[in-house]
Amino acid sequence: MTGSPHLVVDEPAAQLGRNLTYGLLNTIGRAIVTGQFENAVFPTEADLARQHGVSRSVTREAVKMLTAKGLLSARPRQGTTVQPTSSWNLFDTDVLRWMLERQLSVDLLRQFNELRVSVEPEAAALAARVADEEDLRRIDGGLERMQAAERGLDDPLEADIAFHVAVLRASKNPFYIQLRDVVGTALRTSIRFTNHIKGRTADVAEHAKVRDAIAARDPQAARAAMRTIIGDVLGLIAERQPPEA
């Protein structure tokens, strides 16, 4: 085992923002996810406080939050240790963001979109059954933003996310709805990746088919239309993955 690495901080502790705890959480969390503590002893709270110029209470709270996210484990007489990836809460938006911020992983994008294809088509089908007028207005609003983005009047990424989140909300299923932050966080990377490959933004016409099917109260058509959108993404990702040996 080697000694504890000194974390590289992009900016001094005094500039981490008003919330020093979250600033430290973000710095340490990113360091864990990017492997800075592989084959190394995790620093003590006293060492972390000294390295980053923050109080022990700030350090203690950040470590506690990272433990709740599954990245650390603190046990009597064993100290604080970094947990394997299998223990991380991948539905925690901070953890997912840190994973997506590290070197782009095509495997991770594929896995995320495999999750999407198991959730979003069913959410669209549910929305076709239960969406109310307010839900339909939100979906229309997302589609209108995507159309505006094609004319350079809105952000293509945020517009696309708004549409997909509106469909999740329209499902009325609380489990799907709680995935909105996860979907929004991961889509920011997934959409940038696929748009870079295609050289264009999302297919607005395909998204309109989802909207039209939901408005027509046609669950099967809504499911199929959403599956087509995500299937296109999975196809693009598969083209970029090296063949298995």
Protein backbone atom coordinates (compact mmCIF):
# COMPACT_ATOMS: atom_id res chain seq x y z
CA MET A 1 0.00 0.00 0.00
CA THR A 2 1.32 3.46 -0.80
CA GLY A 3 0.75 6.63 1.16
CA SER A 4 -2.32 8.82 0.86
CA PRO A 5 -2.27 10.95 -2.30
CA HIS A 6 -2.68 14.69 -2.00
CA LEU A 7 -5.81 15.60 -3.95
CA VAL A 8 -5.43 18.11 -6.73
CA VAL A 9 -8.03 20.85 -6.27
CA ASP A 10 -8.97 23.05 -9.19
CA GLU A 11 -9.34 26.08 -6.96
CA PRO A 12 -8.41 26.97 -3.36
CA ALA A 13 -10.81 26.04 -0.59
CA ALA A 14 -11.79 29.67 -0.05
CA GLN A 15 -13.19 29.71 -3.61
CA LEU A 16 -15.13 26.44 -3.42
CA GLY A 17 -18.28 28.48 -2.92
CA ARG A 18 -20.44 29.24 0.04
CA ASN A 19 -21.07 25.60 0.71
CA LEU A 20 -17.64 24.30 1.70
CA THR A 21 -19.06 20.92 2.58
CA TYR A 22 -20.46 20.35 -0.90
CA GLY A 23 -17.27 21.73 -2.45
CA LEU A 24 -15.22 19.19 -0.53
CA LEU A 25 -17.75 16.45 -1.26
CA ASN A 26 -17.46 17.18 -4.98
CA THR A 27 -13.65 17.19 -4.90
CA ILE A 28 -13.26 13.97 -2.94
CA GLY A 29 -16.10 12.21 -4.75
CA ARG A 30 -14.60 12.95 -8.16
CA ALA A 31 -11.19 11.79 -6.92
CA ILE A 32 -12.63 8.48 -5.72
CA VAL A 33 -14.54 7.83 -8.94
CA THR A 34 -11.54 8.67 -11.14
CA GLY A 35 -9.38 6.21 -9.23
CA GLN A 36 -7.04 8.54 -7.33
CA PHE A 37 -7.28 6.27 -4.28
CA GLU A 38 -6.62 2.96 -5.99
CA ASN A 39 -3.88 1.11 -4.08
CA ALA A 40 -3.73 3.96 -1.58
CA VAL A 41 -4.84 4.56 1.99
CA PHE A 42 -7.75 6.98 2.27
CA PRO A 43 -6.73 10.09 4.28
CA THR A 44 -7.96 10.65 7.79
CA GLU A 45 -10.43 13.45 8.47
CA ALA A 46 -7.59 15.44 10.04
CA ASP A 47 -5.47 15.02 6.91
CA LEU A 48 -8.34 16.03 4.62
CA ALA A 49 -9.10 19.10 6.75
CA ARG A 50 -5.45 20.16 6.66
CA GLN A 51 -5.00 19.51 2.93
CA HIS A 52 -8.08 21.51 1.94
CA GLY A 53 -8.00 24.22 4.58
CA VAL A 54 -11.42 23.44 5.99
CA SER A 55 -12.69 22.61 9.45
CA ARG A 56 -12.98 19.09 10.84
CA SER A 57 -16.77 19.51 10.96
CA VAL A 58 -16.88 20.28 7.23
CA THR A 59 -14.68 17.27 6.52
CA ARG A 60 -16.72 14.99 8.76
CA GLU A 61 -19.97 15.97 7.04
CA ALA A 62 -18.49 15.47 3.54
CA VAL A 63 -17.20 12.01 4.51
CA LYS A 64 -20.61 11.15 5.99
CA MET A 65 -22.33 12.15 2.73
CA LEU A 66 -19.88 10.11 0.65
CA THR A 67 -20.53 7.15 2.91
CA ALA A 68 -24.27 7.52 2.32
CA LYS A 69 -23.59 7.47 -1.43
CA GLY A 70 -21.77 4.15 -1.04
CA LEU A 71 -18.32 5.47 -1.98
CA LEU A 72 -16.80 5.16 1.50
CA SER A 73 -17.15 2.90 4.48
CA ALA A 74 -16.22 3.98 8.01
CA ARG A 75 -15.80 1.22 10.58
CA PRO A 76 -14.35 1.19 14.07
CA ARG A 77 -10.65 0.20 14.14
CA GLN A 78 -10.58 -0.05 10.34
CA GLY A 79 -10.83 3.63 9.52
CA THR A 80 -12.40 4.98 6.34
CA THR A 81 -11.97 2.94 3.18
CA VAL A 82 -13.00 3.40 -0.45
CA GLN A 83 -15.71 0.99 -1.53
CA PRO A 84 -15.77 -0.97 -4.81
CA THR A 85 -17.89 0.31 -7.67
CA SER A 86 -20.49 -2.38 -6.97
CA SER A 87 -21.32 -0.62 -3.69
CA TRP A 88 -21.82 2.85 -5.18
CA ASN A 89 -25.33 4.28 -5.46
CA LEU A 90 -25.48 4.68 -9.22
CA PHE A 91 -28.88 6.36 -8.97
CA ASP A 92 -27.34 9.18 -6.95
CA THR A 93 -26.97 12.08 -9.37
CA ASP A 94 -23.61 13.18 -7.91
CA VAL A 95 -22.16 9.69 -8.34
CA LEU A 96 -23.51 9.41 -11.87
CA ARG A 97 -22.16 12.86 -12.76
CA TRP A 98 -18.70 12.01 -11.46
CA MET A 99 -18.72 8.78 -13.44
CA LEU A 100 -19.75 10.60 -16.61
CA GLU A 101 -17.15 13.33 -16.07
CA ARG A 102 -14.27 10.90 -16.12
CA GLN A 103 -12.80 9.62 -19.38
CA LEU A 104 -15.75 8.88 -21.65
CA SER A 105 -16.82 5.27 -21.34
CA VAL A 106 -18.81 3.89 -24.26
CA ASP A 107 -19.71 0.93 -22.03
CA LEU A 108 -21.22 3.27 -19.44
CA LEU A 109 -23.25 5.07 -22.09
CA ARG A 110 -24.50 1.75 -23.42
CA GLN A 111 -25.48 0.58 -19.94
CA PHE A 112 -27.29 3.83 -19.24
CA ASN A 113 -29.27 3.62 -22.47
CA GLU A 114 -30.11 0.00 -21.74
CA LEU A 115 -31.70 1.33 -18.55
CA ARG A 116 -33.52 3.98 -20.56
CA VAL A 117 -34.93 1.47 -23.02
CA SER A 118 -36.36 -0.55 -20.14
CA VAL A 119 -37.98 2.52 -18.55
CA GLU A 120 -38.86 5.30 -20.98
CA PRO A 121 -40.96 3.32 -23.51
CA GLU A 122 -43.08 1.99 -20.65
CA ALA A 123 -43.33 5.48 -19.17
CA ALA A 124 -44.55 6.74 -22.54
CA ALA A 125 -47.13 3.94 -22.72
CA LEU A 126 -48.36 4.81 -19.22
CA ALA A 127 -48.50 8.49 -20.15
CA ALA A 128 -50.76 7.61 -23.07
CA ARG A 129 -53.18 6.11 -20.57
CA VAL A 130 -53.05 8.56 -17.66
CA ALA A 131 -51.56 11.91 -18.72
CA ASP A 132 -53.72 14.93 -17.95
CA GLU A 133 -53.88 18.23 -19.79
CA GLU A 134 -51.05 19.74 -17.78
CA ASP A 135 -48.83 16.77 -18.59
CA LEU A 136 -49.63 17.12 -22.28
CA ARG A 137 -48.77 20.83 -22.10
CA ARG A 138 -45.37 19.98 -20.61
CA ILE A 139 -44.68 17.44 -23.34
CA ASP A 140 -45.79 19.94 -25.98
CA GLY A 141 -43.55 22.52 -24.34
CA GLY A 142 -40.54 20.20 -24.56
CA LEU A 143 -41.25 19.48 -28.22
CA GLU A 144 -41.73 23.18 -28.98
CA ARG A 145 -38.36 23.89 -27.33
CA MET A 146 -36.75 21.22 -29.54
CA GLN A 147 -38.31 22.83 -32.61
CA ALA A 148 -37.06 26.23 -31.47
CA ALA A 149 -33.59 24.77 -30.92
CA GLU A 150 -33.50 23.69 -34.55
CA ARG A 151 -33.89 27.37 -35.42
CA GLY A 152 -31.17 28.38 -32.99
CA LEU A 153 -33.64 29.83 -30.49
CA ASP A 154 -33.12 27.38 -27.62
CA ASP A 155 -30.50 25.02 -26.25
CA PRO A 156 -30.81 21.66 -28.05
CA LEU A 157 -29.56 19.66 -25.08
CA GLU A 158 -31.83 21.27 -22.49
CA ALA A 159 -34.81 21.08 -24.84
CA ASP A 160 -34.30 17.36 -25.43
CA ILE A 161 -33.97 16.70 -21.70
CA ALA A 162 -37.14 18.74 -21.01
CA PHE A 163 -39.09 16.53 -23.40
CA HIS A 164 -37.94 13.24 -21.89
CA VAL A 165 -38.46 14.44 -18.32
CA ALA A 166 -41.99 15.63 -19.23
CA VAL A 167 -42.83 12.13 -20.49
CA LEU A 168 -41.53 10.55 -17.27
CA ARG A 169 -43.67 12.94 -15.23
CA ALA A 170 -46.71 12.24 -17.38
CA SER A 171 -46.52 8.54 -16.50
CA LYS A 172 -47.78 9.40 -12.98
CA ASN A 173 -45.61 6.53 -11.72
CA PRO A 174 -43.62 7.84 -8.73
CA PHE A 175 -40.74 5.44 -9.39
CA TYR A 176 -40.35 6.60 -12.98
CA ILE A 177 -40.76 10.23 -11.92
CA GLN A 178 -37.95 9.90 -9.38
CA LEU A 179 -35.66 8.82 -12.22
CA ARG A 180 -36.02 12.26 -13.83
CA ASP A 181 -32.85 13.64 -12.23
CA VAL A 182 -30.87 10.53 -13.16
CA VAL A 183 -32.15 10.69 -16.74
CA GLY A 184 -31.46 14.42 -16.95
CA THR A 185 -27.92 14.05 -15.59
CA ALA A 186 -26.94 11.15 -17.81
CA LEU A 187 -28.66 12.52 -20.92
CA ARG A 188 -26.34 15.50 -20.83
CA THR A 189 -23.46 13.19 -21.69
CA SER A 190 -25.38 10.71 -23.82
CA ILE A 191 -26.94 13.38 -26.05
CA ARG A 192 -23.62 15.19 -26.53
CA PHE A 193 -22.03 11.89 -27.53
CA THR A 194 -24.70 10.85 -30.02
CA ASN A 195 -25.12 14.35 -31.45
CA HIS A 196 -21.37 14.51 -32.04
CA ILE A 197 -21.54 11.26 -34.01
CA LYS A 198 -24.61 12.25 -36.03
CA GLY A 199 -23.49 15.83 -36.57
CA ARG A 200 -26.97 17.05 -35.72
CA THR A 201 -29.37 17.39 -32.83
CA ALA A 202 -32.12 14.93 -31.87
CA ASP A 203 -34.70 13.90 -34.47
CA VAL A 204 -37.63 16.18 -33.69
CA ALA A 205 -39.97 14.24 -35.97
CA GLU A 206 -39.36 11.03 -34.00
CA HIS A 207 -40.03 12.84 -30.73
CA ALA A 208 -43.23 14.27 -32.24
CA LYS A 209 -44.42 10.70 -32.86
CA VAL A 210 -44.13 10.04 -29.12
CA ARG A 211 -46.10 13.19 -28.34
CA ASP A 212 -48.77 12.39 -30.93
CA ALA A 213 -49.21 8.84 -29.63
CA ILE A 214 -49.57 10.04 -26.05
CA ALA A 215 -52.08 12.69 -27.08
CA ALA A 216 -53.99 10.06 -29.08
CA ARG A 217 -54.10 7.78 -26.00
CA ASP A 218 -52.31 5.03 -27.94
CA PRO A 219 -49.97 3.20 -25.49
CA GLN A 220 -48.58 0.76 -28.05
CA ALA A 221 -47.65 3.53 -30.49
CA ALA A 222 -46.14 5.64 -27.69
CA ARG A 223 -44.06 2.69 -26.51
CA ALA A 224 -42.84 1.89 -30.02
CA ALA A 225 -41.99 5.51 -30.83
CA MET A 226 -39.92 5.97 -27.68
CA ARG A 227 -38.20 2.63 -28.21
CA THR A 228 -37.23 3.78 -31.71
CA ILE A 229 -35.57 6.93 -30.32
CA ILE A 230 -33.50 5.04 -27.75
CA GLY A 231 -32.81 2.16 -30.15
CA ASP A 232 -31.21 4.68 -32.51
CA VAL A 233 -28.93 5.80 -29.68
CA LEU A 234 -27.97 2.22 -28.81
CA GLY A 235 -27.20 1.59 -32.48
CA LEU A 236 -24.86 4.56 -32.63
CA ILE A 237 -23.10 3.43 -29.46
CA ALA A 238 -22.70 -0.11 -30.81
CA GLU A 239 -21.00 1.29 -33.91
CA ARG A 240 -18.41 2.99 -31.69
CA GLN A 241 -17.67 -0.05 -29.52
CA PRO A 242 -14.68 -2.18 -30.52
CA PRO A 243 -15.57 -5.74 -31.52
CA GLU A 244 -15.22 -8.35 -28.79
CA ALA A 245 -12.10 -10.45 -28.97
